[in-house]
Amino acid sequence: MAVLTVIMVMLIVTVLGVAALTVSGMENKMSGLHRTMEASGQAAESCLGTGANVILQTLLPESG
């Protein structure tokens, strides 16, 4: 009877361990996606600023 109890407890702990590994792997993927999205947003903002500068220089050339 005690052996059956120990086996059941070990099975439950194993299932919990596998679930924890799965969740931590998913969190790593999500954080990587967040970093990628943040970097792409910063790149887009930079492109918008550069485009605005080009348009301003084209429409309003400085006399020099």
C-alpha atoms as a PDB file:
ATOM      1  CA  MET A   1       0.000   0.000   0.000  1.00  0.00           C
ATOM      2  CA  ALA A   2       2.812   2.405   0.812  1.00  0.00           C
ATOM      3  CA  VAL A   3       4.525   1.647  -2.497  1.00  0.00           C
ATOM      4  CA  LEU A   4       1.358   2.555  -4.389  1.00  0.00           C
ATOM      5  CA  THR A   5       1.130   5.862  -2.512  1.00  0.00           C
ATOM      6  CA  VAL A   6       4.764   6.686  -3.269  1.00  0.00           C
ATOM      7  CA  ILE A   7       4.289   5.849  -6.952  1.00  0.00           C
ATOM      8  CA  MET A   8       1.189   8.074  -7.152  1.00  0.00           C
ATOM      9  CA  VAL A   9       3.013  10.981  -5.467  1.00  0.00           C
ATOM     10  CA  MET A  10       5.972  10.577  -7.829  1.00  0.00           C
ATOM     11  CA  LEU A  11       3.608  10.558 -10.816  1.00  0.00           C
ATOM     12  CA  ILE A  12       1.924  13.754  -9.655  1.00  0.00           C
ATOM     13  CA  VAL A  13       5.275  15.475  -9.074  1.00  0.00           C
ATOM     14  CA  THR A  14       6.475  14.377 -12.518  1.00  0.00           C
ATOM     15  CA  VAL A  15       3.356  15.774 -14.191  1.00  0.00           C
ATOM     16  CA  LEU A  16       3.785  19.059 -12.321  1.00  0.00           C
ATOM     17  CA  GLY A  17       7.441  19.229 -13.385  1.00  0.00           C
ATOM     18  CA  VAL A  18       6.612  18.660 -17.044  1.00  0.00           C
ATOM     19  CA  ALA A  19       3.901  21.324 -16.859  1.00  0.00           C
ATOM     20  CA  ALA A  20       6.328  23.801 -15.293  1.00  0.00           C
ATOM     21  CA  LEU A  21       8.895  23.172 -18.046  1.00  0.00           C
ATOM     22  CA  THR A  22       6.259  23.679 -20.717  1.00  0.00           C
ATOM     23  CA  VAL A  23       5.104  26.966 -19.191  1.00  0.00           C
ATOM     24  CA  SER A  24       8.649  28.290 -18.814  1.00  0.00           C
ATOM     25  CA  GLY A  25       9.412  27.422 -22.451  1.00  0.00           C
ATOM     26  CA  MET A  26       6.305  29.277 -23.549  1.00  0.00           C
ATOM     27  CA  GLU A  27       7.287  32.305 -21.451  1.00  0.00           C
ATOM     28  CA  ASN A  28      10.708  32.371 -23.122  1.00  0.00           C
ATOM     29  CA  LYS A  29       9.081  32.371 -26.557  1.00  0.00           C
ATOM     30  CA  MET A  30       6.737  35.161 -25.525  1.00  0.00           C
ATOM     31  CA  SER A  31       9.541  37.331 -24.163  1.00  0.00           C
ATOM     32  CA  GLY A  32      11.538  36.810 -27.360  1.00  0.00           C
ATOM     33  CA  LEU A  33       8.520  37.861 -29.409  1.00  0.00           C
ATOM     34  CA  HIS A  34       8.074  40.938 -27.219  1.00  0.00           C
ATOM     35  CA  ARG A  35      11.718  41.981 -27.765  1.00  0.00           C
ATOM     36  CA  THR A  36      11.334  41.480 -31.523  1.00  0.00           C
ATOM     37  CA  MET A  37       8.151  43.532 -31.641  1.00  0.00           C
ATOM     38  CA  GLU A  38       9.733  46.321 -29.607  1.00  0.00           C
ATOM     39  CA  ALA A  39      12.782  46.446 -31.893  1.00  0.00           C
ATOM     40  CA  SER A  40      10.598  46.515 -35.009  1.00  0.00           C
ATOM     41  CA  GLY A  41       8.520  49.344 -33.534  1.00  0.00           C
ATOM     42  CA  GLN A  42      11.645  51.373 -32.864  1.00  0.00           C
ATOM     43  CA  ALA A  43      12.862  50.723 -36.420  1.00  0.00           C
ATOM     44  CA  ALA A  44       9.518  51.877 -37.824  1.00  0.00           C
ATOM     45  CA  GLU A  45       9.635  55.080 -35.782  1.00  0.00           C
ATOM     46  CA  SER A  46      13.158  55.741 -37.018  1.00  0.00           C
ATOM     47  CA  CYS A  47      12.060  55.261 -40.627  1.00  0.00           C
ATOM     48  CA  LEU A  48       9.150  57.645 -40.131  1.00  0.00           C
ATOM     49  CA  GLY A  49      11.471  60.309 -38.727  1.00  0.00           C
ATOM     50  CA  THR A  50      13.927  59.876 -41.592  1.00  0.00           C
ATOM     51  CA  GLY A  51      11.111  60.055 -44.143  1.00  0.00           C
ATOM     52  CA  ALA A  52       9.757  63.228 -42.570  1.00  0.00           C
ATOM     53  CA  ASN A  53      13.226  64.797 -42.712  1.00  0.00           C
ATOM     54  CA  VAL A  54      13.622  63.877 -46.392  1.00  0.00           C
ATOM     55  CA  ILE A  55      10.227  65.371 -47.230  1.00  0.00           C
ATOM     56  CA  LEU A  56      11.008  68.559 -45.328  1.00  0.00           C
ATOM     57  CA  GLN A  57      14.379  68.909 -47.057  1.00  0.00           C
ATOM     58  CA  THR A  58      12.740  68.360 -50.439  1.00  0.00           C
ATOM     59  CA  LEU A  59       9.869  70.791 -49.937  1.00  0.00           C
ATOM     60  CA  LEU A  60      11.774  73.409 -47.969  1.00  0.00           C
ATOM     61  CA  PRO A  61      15.336  73.479 -49.323  1.00  0.00           C
ATOM     62  CA  GLU A  62      17.650  75.688 -47.368  1.00  0.00           C
ATOM     63  CA  SER A  63      19.295  78.439 -49.353  1.00  0.00           C
ATOM     64  CA  GLY A  64      22.948  77.903 -48.865  1.00  0.00           C
END
